[in-house]
C-alpha cells in the first residue's frame, strides 16, 4: 500500500455504509428503511469518488484501486437492490 492509502482504506467509509444499513434495518417502516439505505448508498458513492481521487493522485496502486472499487460497487449494488425491494 502506498503512502496515504491507509488513510482511505482505514477511514471507515465501508464501515459507515454498513452502519447506516444496520441503523436502517432496525426501523419499522419501509419508508424509514429506504431512507437509511439511501444514505448508505450515497456514502458508497462517496467512497467510490474518493477511490478515483486517490488513484488519480497515485496514492493507490492500480491493483488496490481495482479491488477496493470492486468491493464498493458490490456493496452499492446490493444496497440498490435492497432499496428497490422496499418499494
C-alpha atoms as a PDB file:
ATOM      1  CA  UNK A   1       0.000   0.000   0.000  1.00  0.00           C
ATOM      2  CA  UNK A   2       1.360   3.402  -0.902  1.00  0.00           C
ATOM      3  CA  UNK A   3       1.767   6.348   1.429  1.00  0.00           C
ATOM      4  CA  UNK A   4      -1.629   7.873   2.165  1.00  0.00           C
ATOM      5  CA  UNK A   5      -3.682   4.909   1.021  1.00  0.00           C
ATOM      6  CA  UNK A   6      -4.045   3.649   4.599  1.00  0.00           C
ATOM      7  CA  UNK A   7      -5.995   6.831   5.295  1.00  0.00           C
ATOM      8  CA  UNK A   8      -8.583   5.860   2.710  1.00  0.00           C
ATOM      9  CA  UNK A   9      -8.806   2.156   3.434  1.00  0.00           C
ATOM     10  CA  UNK A  10      -8.898   2.657   7.196  1.00  0.00           C
ATOM     11  CA  UNK A  11     -11.079   5.775   7.136  1.00  0.00           C
ATOM     12  CA  UNK A  12     -14.215   3.787   7.732  1.00  0.00           C
ATOM     13  CA  UNK A  13     -16.060   4.560   4.502  1.00  0.00           C
ATOM     14  CA  UNK A  14     -17.248   1.000   4.097  1.00  0.00           C
ATOM     15  CA  UNK A  15     -17.945   0.782   7.828  1.00  0.00           C
ATOM     16  CA  UNK A  16     -20.162   3.876   7.541  1.00  0.00           C
ATOM     17  CA  UNK A  17     -22.086   2.177   4.748  1.00  0.00           C
ATOM     18  CA  UNK A  18     -22.582  -0.862   6.973  1.00  0.00           C
ATOM     19  CA  UNK A  19     -23.548   1.302   9.970  1.00  0.00           C
ATOM     20  CA  UNK A  20     -26.215   3.181   8.004  1.00  0.00           C
ATOM     21  CA  UNK A  21     -27.579  -0.110   6.676  1.00  0.00           C
ATOM     22  CA  UNK A  22     -27.781  -1.597  10.156  1.00  0.00           C
ATOM     23  CA  UNK A  23     -29.446   1.514  11.551  1.00  0.00           C
ATOM     24  CA  UNK A  24     -31.978   1.465   8.745  1.00  0.00           C
ATOM     25  CA  UNK A  25     -32.682  -2.241   9.085  1.00  0.00           C
ATOM     26  CA  UNK A  26     -33.968  -1.728  12.630  1.00  0.00           C
ATOM     27  CA  UNK A  27     -36.557   0.814  11.502  1.00  0.00           C
ATOM     28  CA  UNK A  28     -40.132  -0.348  11.468  1.00  0.00           C
ATOM     29  CA  UNK A  29     -41.488   1.021   8.198  1.00  0.00           C
ATOM     30  CA  UNK A  30     -40.217   0.523   4.661  1.00  0.00           C
ATOM     31  CA  UNK A  31     -40.117   4.304   4.256  1.00  0.00           C
ATOM     32  CA  UNK A  32     -37.716   4.598   7.207  1.00  0.00           C
ATOM     33  CA  UNK A  33     -35.626   1.670   5.974  1.00  0.00           C
ATOM     34  CA  UNK A  34     -35.477   3.194   2.491  1.00  0.00           C
ATOM     35  CA  UNK A  35     -34.183   6.466   3.896  1.00  0.00           C
ATOM     36  CA  UNK A  36     -31.266   4.809   5.670  1.00  0.00           C
ATOM     37  CA  UNK A  37     -30.474   2.525   2.738  1.00  0.00           C
ATOM     38  CA  UNK A  38     -30.387   5.619   0.522  1.00  0.00           C
ATOM     39  CA  UNK A  39     -27.942   7.294   2.917  1.00  0.00           C
ATOM     40  CA  UNK A  40     -25.727   4.188   2.916  1.00  0.00           C
ATOM     41  CA  UNK A  41     -25.864   4.050  -0.892  1.00  0.00           C
ATOM     42  CA  UNK A  42     -24.854   7.716  -1.122  1.00  0.00           C
ATOM     43  CA  UNK A  43     -21.948   7.059   1.224  1.00  0.00           C
ATOM     44  CA  UNK A  44     -20.867   4.209  -1.051  1.00  0.00           C
ATOM     45  CA  UNK A  45     -20.828   6.603  -3.994  1.00  0.00           C
ATOM     46  CA  UNK A  46     -18.681   8.992  -1.957  1.00  0.00           C
ATOM     47  CA  UNK A  47     -16.256   6.153  -1.252  1.00  0.00           C
ATOM     48  CA  UNK A  48     -16.023   5.477  -4.998  1.00  0.00           C
ATOM     49  CA  UNK A  49     -15.311   9.168  -5.639  1.00  0.00           C
ATOM     50  CA  UNK A  50     -12.502   9.123  -3.082  1.00  0.00           C
ATOM     51  CA  UNK A  51     -11.102   5.948  -4.612  1.00  0.00           C
ATOM     52  CA  UNK A  52     -10.927   7.655  -8.010  1.00  0.00           C
ATOM     53  CA  UNK A  53      -9.269  10.699  -6.441  1.00  0.00           C
ATOM     54  CA  UNK A  54      -6.682   8.682  -4.544  1.00  0.00           C
ATOM     55  CA  UNK A  55      -5.878   6.680  -7.673  1.00  0.00           C
ATOM     56  CA  UNK A  56      -5.518   9.885  -9.694  1.00  0.00           C
ATOM     57  CA  UNK A  57      -3.135  11.216  -7.031  1.00  0.00           C
ATOM     58  CA  UNK A  58      -1.194   7.948  -7.247  1.00  0.00           C
ATOM     59  CA  UNK A  59      -1.883   7.112  -3.602  1.00  0.00           C
ATOM     60  CA  UNK A  60      -3.238   3.668  -4.506  1.00  0.00           C
ATOM     61  CA  UNK A  61      -1.755   1.113  -6.838  1.00  0.00           C
ATOM     62  CA  UNK A  62      -3.891   0.010  -9.767  1.00  0.00           C
ATOM     63  CA  UNK A  63      -4.443  -3.363  -8.070  1.00  0.00           C
ATOM     64  CA  UNK A  64      -5.560  -1.767  -4.797  1.00  0.00           C
ATOM     65  CA  UNK A  65      -7.864   0.578  -6.656  1.00  0.00           C
ATOM     66  CA  UNK A  66      -9.483  -2.221  -8.666  1.00  0.00           C
ATOM     67  CA  UNK A  67     -10.030  -4.402  -5.579  1.00  0.00           C
ATOM     68  CA  UNK A  68     -11.483  -1.609  -3.428  1.00  0.00           C
ATOM     69  CA  UNK A  69     -13.633  -0.330  -6.274  1.00  0.00           C
ATOM     70  CA  UNK A  70     -14.959  -3.837  -6.938  1.00  0.00           C
ATOM     71  CA  UNK A  71     -15.820  -4.344  -3.262  1.00  0.00           C
ATOM     72  CA  UNK A  72     -17.535  -0.974  -3.001  1.00  0.00           C
ATOM     73  CA  UNK A  73     -19.522  -1.444  -6.215  1.00  0.00           C
ATOM     74  CA  UNK A  74     -20.668  -4.854  -4.987  1.00  0.00           C
ATOM     75  CA  UNK A  75     -21.945  -3.278  -1.773  1.00  0.00           C
ATOM     76  CA  UNK A  76     -23.676  -0.384  -3.543  1.00  0.00           C
ATOM     77  CA  UNK A  77     -25.318  -2.778  -5.998  1.00  0.00           C
ATOM     78  CA  UNK A  78     -26.651  -4.840  -3.101  1.00  0.00           C
ATOM     79  CA  UNK A  79     -27.929  -1.703  -1.375  1.00  0.00           C
ATOM     80  CA  UNK A  80     -29.657  -0.611  -4.570  1.00  0.00           C
ATOM     81  CA  UNK A  81     -31.337  -3.995  -4.919  1.00  0.00           C
ATOM     82  CA  UNK A  82     -32.478  -3.889  -1.285  1.00  0.00           C
ATOM     83  CA  UNK A  83     -33.768  -0.326  -1.715  1.00  0.00           C
ATOM     84  CA  UNK A  84     -35.759  -1.358  -4.802  1.00  0.00           C
ATOM     85  CA  UNK A  85     -37.240  -4.343  -2.965  1.00  0.00           C
ATOM     86  CA  UNK A  86     -38.717  -1.988  -0.358  1.00  0.00           C
ATOM     87  CA  UNK A  87     -40.815  -0.080  -2.899  1.00  0.00           C
END
